[in-house]
Amino acid sequence: MKMSIRTKLIIISLLFLAVPSLLIGIIGYQSAANSLNTLGASGLQTDVRMTIEMIDALQKQVKVGKVSLAEA
């Protein structure tokens, strides 16, 4: 099957446009996914620290007698 020069040029042009676009898309997706994972992990660490601080504060109040263990 013979292809005309026009068809060959169109195919080559599409390849030259598609390959870089795919690479940019893949790299952008991976970068965004990594950023979201890091942000999520950091948020979870903050939540755990705050929870531990709250438990410690309530434990101190229970020891002093300001709050009963059931209320804490």
Protein backbone atom coordinates (compact mmCIF):
# COMPACT_ATOMS: atom_id res chain seq x y z
CA MET A 1 0.00 0.00 0.00
CA LYS A 2 1.42 3.31 -1.09
CA MET A 3 1.06 6.31 1.19
CA SER A 4 1.27 9.80 -0.13
CA ILE A 5 3.75 12.30 1.22
CA ARG A 6 0.87 14.23 2.76
CA THR A 7 -0.28 11.17 4.75
CA LYS A 8 3.25 10.44 5.91
CA LEU A 9 3.73 14.03 7.04
CA ILE A 10 0.45 13.98 8.96
CA ILE A 11 1.38 10.73 10.73
CA ILE A 12 4.86 12.00 11.63
CA SER A 13 3.43 15.33 12.84
CA LEU A 14 0.89 13.56 15.03
CA LEU A 15 3.59 11.38 16.54
CA PHE A 16 5.79 14.40 17.25
CA LEU A 17 2.86 16.06 19.01
CA ALA A 18 1.51 13.00 20.84
CA VAL A 19 4.72 11.69 22.41
CA PRO A 20 5.71 14.91 24.26
CA SER A 21 2.10 15.47 25.30
CA LEU A 22 1.92 11.99 26.81
CA LEU A 23 5.22 12.48 28.62
CA ILE A 24 4.09 15.81 30.06
CA GLY A 25 0.82 14.26 31.17
CA ILE A 26 2.47 11.27 32.84
CA ILE A 27 5.07 13.40 34.62
CA GLY A 28 2.41 15.87 35.76
CA TYR A 29 0.21 13.08 37.10
CA GLN A 30 3.07 11.49 39.03
CA SER A 31 4.11 14.82 40.48
CA ALA A 32 0.57 15.63 41.60
CA ALA A 33 0.10 12.17 43.10
CA ASN A 34 3.35 12.46 45.08
CA SER A 35 2.40 15.92 46.35
CA LEU A 36 -1.03 14.72 47.47
CA ASN A 37 0.47 11.70 49.24
CA THR A 38 2.95 13.91 51.07
CA LEU A 39 0.24 16.38 52.02
CA GLY A 40 -2.04 13.59 53.26
CA ALA A 41 0.72 12.01 55.36
CA SER A 42 1.57 15.37 56.89
CA GLY A 43 -2.08 16.01 57.73
CA LEU A 44 -2.40 12.60 59.40
CA GLN A 45 0.72 13.21 61.47
CA THR A 46 -0.67 16.54 62.65
CA ASP A 47 -3.99 14.92 63.60
CA VAL A 48 -2.23 12.19 65.57
CA ARG A 49 -0.08 14.73 67.45
CA MET A 50 -3.14 16.79 68.34
CA THR A 51 -4.99 13.70 69.55
CA ILE A 52 -2.05 12.65 71.73
CA GLU A 53 -1.85 16.15 73.21
CA MET A 54 -5.59 16.07 73.96
CA ILE A 55 -5.28 12.67 75.64
CA ASP A 56 -2.34 13.91 77.72
CA ALA A 57 -4.26 17.03 78.78
CA LEU A 58 -7.29 14.98 79.80
CA GLN A 59 -5.05 12.52 81.65
CA LYS A 60 -3.55 15.40 83.65
CA GLN A 61 -7.03 16.66 84.53
CA VAL A 62 -8.02 13.17 85.68
CA LYS A 63 -4.89 12.93 87.88
CA VAL A 64 -5.60 16.32 89.47
CA GLY A 65 -9.22 15.36 90.04
CA LYS A 66 -10.90 18.02 87.92
CA VAL A 67 -12.47 15.44 85.61
CA SER A 68 -13.55 11.89 86.25
CA LEU A 69 -12.09 9.11 84.15
CA ALA A 70 -15.54 8.40 82.65
CA GLU A 71 -15.95 12.03 81.54
CA ALA A 72 -12.44 12.17 80.05
